[in-house]
Amino acid sequence: MELQSAKIDLLVKDLEKNREEQVVKEQLEKMEKCLQEYEPEIMERKTQTFTRDKLNYQYGIVYTFAKRFDNLVGERENGTID
């Protein structure tokens, strides 16, 4: 009797494990499908973000240079620089 109970417990555990594995496999398949569907859009957004960040960086350099140049011109006009 005890042996049958142990076998039943092992079978139940095995079935639960198989069910969990099946659920995980289904979730992975759904995730892969979504990734394949949205990957081009995600890559496009990454590219746009990179381009925007790069442009902001370049704008910052130009703005900083223009600000310094403007300060130099202002100092020259005020006579504080030769």
N, C-alpha and C. Protein backbone atom coordinates (compact mmCIF):
# COMPACT_ATOMS: atom_id res chain seq x y z
N MET A 1 0.82 -1.20 0.00
CA MET A 1 0.00 0.00 0.00
C MET A 1 0.87 1.27 0.00
N GLU A 2 1.88 1.22 0.85
CA GLU A 2 2.76 2.38 0.96
C GLU A 2 3.55 2.59 -0.34
N LEU A 3 3.94 1.50 -0.97
CA LEU A 3 4.67 1.56 -2.22
C LEU A 3 3.81 2.19 -3.32
N GLN A 4 2.55 1.83 -3.38
CA GLN A 4 1.64 2.41 -4.37
C GLN A 4 1.45 3.90 -4.10
N SER A 5 1.34 4.28 -2.86
CA SER A 5 1.19 5.69 -2.49
C SER A 5 2.42 6.49 -2.92
N ALA A 6 3.61 5.91 -2.72
CA ALA A 6 4.84 6.58 -3.12
C ALA A 6 4.90 6.72 -4.63
N LYS A 7 4.49 5.66 -5.35
CA LYS A 7 4.48 5.71 -6.81
C LYS A 7 3.51 6.77 -7.31
N ILE A 8 2.35 6.84 -6.69
CA ILE A 8 1.35 7.84 -7.08
C ILE A 8 1.90 9.24 -6.83
N ASP A 9 2.55 9.44 -5.69
CA ASP A 9 3.14 10.75 -5.39
C ASP A 9 4.20 11.13 -6.44
N LEU A 10 5.04 10.16 -6.82
CA LEU A 10 6.06 10.43 -7.85
C LEU A 10 5.41 10.76 -9.18
N LEU A 11 4.37 10.06 -9.55
CA LEU A 11 3.68 10.34 -10.81
C LEU A 11 3.05 11.73 -10.80
N VAL A 12 2.46 12.09 -9.67
CA VAL A 12 1.84 13.41 -9.56
C VAL A 12 2.91 14.50 -9.67
N LYS A 13 4.03 14.31 -8.99
CA LYS A 13 5.12 15.28 -9.07
C LYS A 13 5.66 15.39 -10.49
N ASP A 14 5.79 14.22 -11.16
CA ASP A 14 6.27 14.20 -12.53
C ASP A 14 5.30 14.94 -13.45
N LEU A 15 4.01 14.72 -13.27
CA LEU A 15 3.01 15.41 -14.08
C LEU A 15 3.04 16.92 -13.84
N GLU A 16 3.19 17.32 -12.57
CA GLU A 16 3.28 18.75 -12.25
C GLU A 16 4.51 19.38 -12.89
N LYS A 17 5.62 18.65 -12.84
CA LYS A 17 6.86 19.16 -13.44
C LYS A 17 6.69 19.30 -14.95
N ASN A 18 6.10 18.29 -15.59
CA ASN A 18 5.87 18.35 -17.03
C ASN A 18 4.95 19.51 -17.38
N ARG A 19 3.93 19.74 -16.58
CA ARG A 19 3.00 20.85 -16.83
C ARG A 19 3.72 22.18 -16.71
N GLU A 20 4.54 22.31 -15.69
CA GLU A 20 5.31 23.56 -15.52
C GLU A 20 6.24 23.78 -16.71
N GLU A 21 6.90 22.73 -17.15
CA GLU A 21 7.78 22.85 -18.31
C GLU A 21 6.99 23.25 -19.55
N GLN A 22 5.80 22.68 -19.72
CA GLN A 22 4.96 23.01 -20.87
C GLN A 22 4.54 24.48 -20.83
N VAL A 23 4.19 24.96 -19.63
CA VAL A 23 3.79 26.37 -19.48
C VAL A 23 4.97 27.28 -19.82
N VAL A 24 6.16 26.92 -19.35
CA VAL A 24 7.35 27.72 -19.64
C VAL A 24 7.63 27.73 -21.14
N LYS A 25 7.51 26.57 -21.78
CA LYS A 25 7.73 26.49 -23.22
C LYS A 25 6.73 27.37 -23.97
N GLU A 26 5.47 27.33 -23.56
CA GLU A 26 4.45 28.16 -24.21
C GLU A 26 4.77 29.64 -24.05
N GLN A 27 5.18 30.03 -22.85
CA GLN A 27 5.51 31.44 -22.61
C GLN A 27 6.71 31.86 -23.45
N LEU A 28 7.72 30.99 -23.56
CA LEU A 28 8.89 31.30 -24.38
C LEU A 28 8.50 31.46 -25.85
N GLU A 29 7.62 30.59 -26.32
CA GLU A 29 7.17 30.69 -27.71
C GLU A 29 6.44 32.00 -27.95
N LYS A 30 5.58 32.40 -27.00
CA LYS A 30 4.88 33.68 -27.13
C LYS A 30 5.86 34.84 -27.15
N MET A 31 6.85 34.78 -26.26
CA MET A 31 7.84 35.86 -26.20
C MET A 31 8.65 35.94 -27.49
N GLU A 32 9.05 34.79 -28.03
CA GLU A 32 9.80 34.77 -29.28
C GLU A 32 8.97 35.33 -30.43
N LYS A 33 7.69 34.98 -30.45
CA LYS A 33 6.80 35.49 -31.49
C LYS A 33 6.68 37.01 -31.40
N CYS A 34 6.50 37.51 -30.18
CA CYS A 34 6.40 38.97 -29.99
C CYS A 34 7.71 39.65 -30.38
N LEU A 35 8.83 39.04 -30.01
CA LEU A 35 10.12 39.63 -30.34
C LEU A 35 10.32 39.70 -31.84
N GLN A 36 9.97 38.63 -32.54
CA GLN A 36 10.11 38.63 -33.99
C GLN A 36 9.20 39.68 -34.62
N GLU A 37 8.03 39.87 -34.03
CA GLU A 37 7.07 40.82 -34.58
C GLU A 37 7.51 42.26 -34.35
N TYR A 38 8.06 42.53 -33.17
CA TYR A 38 8.37 43.91 -32.81
C TYR A 38 9.86 44.27 -32.91
N GLU A 39 10.72 43.31 -33.25
CA GLU A 39 12.15 43.59 -33.30
C GLU A 39 12.51 44.71 -34.26
N PRO A 40 11.96 44.74 -35.49
CA PRO A 40 12.32 45.86 -36.38
C PRO A 40 11.95 47.22 -35.78
N GLU A 41 10.79 47.30 -35.14
CA GLU A 41 10.36 48.56 -34.53
C GLU A 41 11.28 48.95 -33.38
N ILE A 42 11.68 47.96 -32.58
CA ILE A 42 12.58 48.23 -31.46
C ILE A 42 13.93 48.72 -31.97
N MET A 43 14.45 48.06 -33.00
CA MET A 43 15.75 48.48 -33.55
C MET A 43 15.65 49.88 -34.15
N GLU A 44 14.53 50.18 -34.78
CA GLU A 44 14.34 51.51 -35.35
C GLU A 44 14.34 52.56 -34.24
N ARG A 45 13.67 52.27 -33.15
CA ARG A 45 13.65 53.22 -32.02
C ARG A 45 15.03 53.41 -31.45
N LYS A 46 15.80 52.32 -31.32
CA LYS A 46 17.16 52.45 -30.81
C LYS A 46 17.99 53.34 -31.72
N THR A 47 17.83 53.15 -33.02
CA THR A 47 18.57 53.96 -33.99
C THR A 47 18.16 55.42 -33.87
N GLN A 48 16.86 55.68 -33.76
CA GLN A 48 16.39 57.06 -33.62
C GLN A 48 16.92 57.68 -32.35
N THR A 49 16.92 56.92 -31.25
CA THR A 49 17.43 57.44 -29.99
C THR A 49 18.91 57.76 -30.11
N PHE A 50 19.66 56.85 -30.72
CA PHE A 50 21.09 57.09 -30.90
C PHE A 50 21.33 58.33 -31.73
N THR A 51 20.58 58.47 -32.82
CA THR A 51 20.74 59.63 -33.70
C THR A 51 20.38 60.91 -32.94
N ARG A 52 19.29 60.88 -32.18
CA ARG A 52 18.87 62.05 -31.42
C ARG A 52 19.91 62.41 -30.38
N ASP A 53 20.43 61.41 -29.67
CA ASP A 53 21.48 61.67 -28.67
C ASP A 53 22.73 62.23 -29.33
N LYS A 54 23.09 61.68 -30.47
CA LYS A 54 24.27 62.16 -31.19
C LYS A 54 24.08 63.61 -31.62
N LEU A 55 22.89 63.93 -32.13
CA LEU A 55 22.62 65.30 -32.55
C LEU A 55 22.62 66.25 -31.36
N ASN A 56 22.04 65.81 -30.24
CA ASN A 56 22.06 66.65 -29.03
C ASN A 56 23.50 66.90 -28.58
N TYR A 57 24.33 65.88 -28.66
CA TYR A 57 25.73 66.03 -28.28
C TYR A 57 26.43 67.02 -29.21
N GLN A 58 26.21 66.87 -30.51
CA GLN A 58 26.83 67.78 -31.48
C GLN A 58 26.30 69.21 -31.28
N TYR A 59 25.02 69.35 -31.02
CA TYR A 59 24.45 70.67 -30.77
C TYR A 59 25.09 71.28 -29.53
N GLY A 60 25.31 70.45 -28.52
CA GLY A 60 25.94 70.94 -27.29
C GLY A 60 27.33 71.46 -27.55
N ILE A 61 28.09 70.77 -28.39
CA ILE A 61 29.45 71.22 -28.72
C ILE A 61 29.38 72.55 -29.47
N VAL A 62 28.51 72.63 -30.46
CA VAL A 62 28.39 73.87 -31.25
C VAL A 62 27.92 75.01 -30.36
N TYR A 63 26.93 74.73 -29.49
CA TYR A 63 26.41 75.77 -28.60
C TYR A 63 27.52 76.26 -27.66
N THR A 64 28.28 75.33 -27.11
CA THR A 64 29.36 75.71 -26.19
C THR A 64 30.40 76.56 -26.92
N PHE A 65 30.77 76.14 -28.12
CA PHE A 65 31.75 76.91 -28.90
C PHE A 65 31.21 78.32 -29.21
N ALA A 66 29.93 78.38 -29.62
CA ALA A 66 29.33 79.67 -29.95
C ALA A 66 29.28 80.56 -28.72
N LYS A 67 28.96 79.99 -27.58
CA LYS A 67 28.89 80.77 -26.35
C LYS A 67 30.27 81.32 -25.98
N ARG A 68 31.28 80.49 -26.08
CA ARG A 68 32.64 80.95 -25.78
C ARG A 68 33.09 82.02 -26.78
N PHE A 69 32.79 81.81 -28.04
CA PHE A 69 33.15 82.79 -29.06
C PHE A 69 32.44 84.11 -28.79
N ASP A 70 31.16 84.03 -28.45
CA ASP A 70 30.40 85.24 -28.14
C ASP A 70 31.00 85.95 -26.94
N ASN A 71 31.42 85.21 -25.93
CA ASN A 71 32.05 85.82 -24.76
C ASN A 71 33.37 86.50 -25.14
N LEU A 72 34.14 85.86 -26.01
CA LEU A 72 35.40 86.46 -26.45
C LEU A 72 35.15 87.75 -27.22
N VAL A 73 34.16 87.71 -28.10
CA VAL A 73 33.84 88.91 -28.87
C VAL A 73 33.38 90.02 -27.93
N GLY A 74 32.56 89.66 -26.96
CA GLY A 74 32.08 90.64 -25.99
C GLY A 74 33.22 91.24 -25.19
N GLU A 75 34.17 90.41 -24.77
CA GLU A 75 35.32 90.92 -24.02
C GLU A 75 36.18 91.82 -24.89
N ARG A 76 36.32 91.48 -26.15
CA ARG A 76 37.12 92.31 -27.06
C ARG A 76 36.45 93.66 -27.25
N GLU A 77 35.13 93.66 -27.41
CA GLU A 77 34.40 94.92 -27.61
C GLU A 77 34.45 95.78 -26.35
N ASN A 78 34.47 95.14 -25.20
CA ASN A 78 34.52 95.90 -23.95
C ASN A 78 35.94 96.36 -23.62
N GLY A 79 36.89 95.85 -24.35
CA GLY A 79 38.28 96.26 -24.11
C GLY A 79 38.95 95.49 -23.00
N THR A 80 38.35 94.43 -22.55
CA THR A 80 38.96 93.66 -21.46
C THR A 80 39.91 92.59 -21.98
N ILE A 81 39.98 92.44 -23.30
CA ILE A 81 40.90 91.47 -23.90
C ILE A 81 41.56 92.14 -25.09
N ASP A 82 42.80 91.82 -25.33
CA ASP A 82 43.53 92.42 -26.47
C ASP A 82 43.33 91.62 -27.72
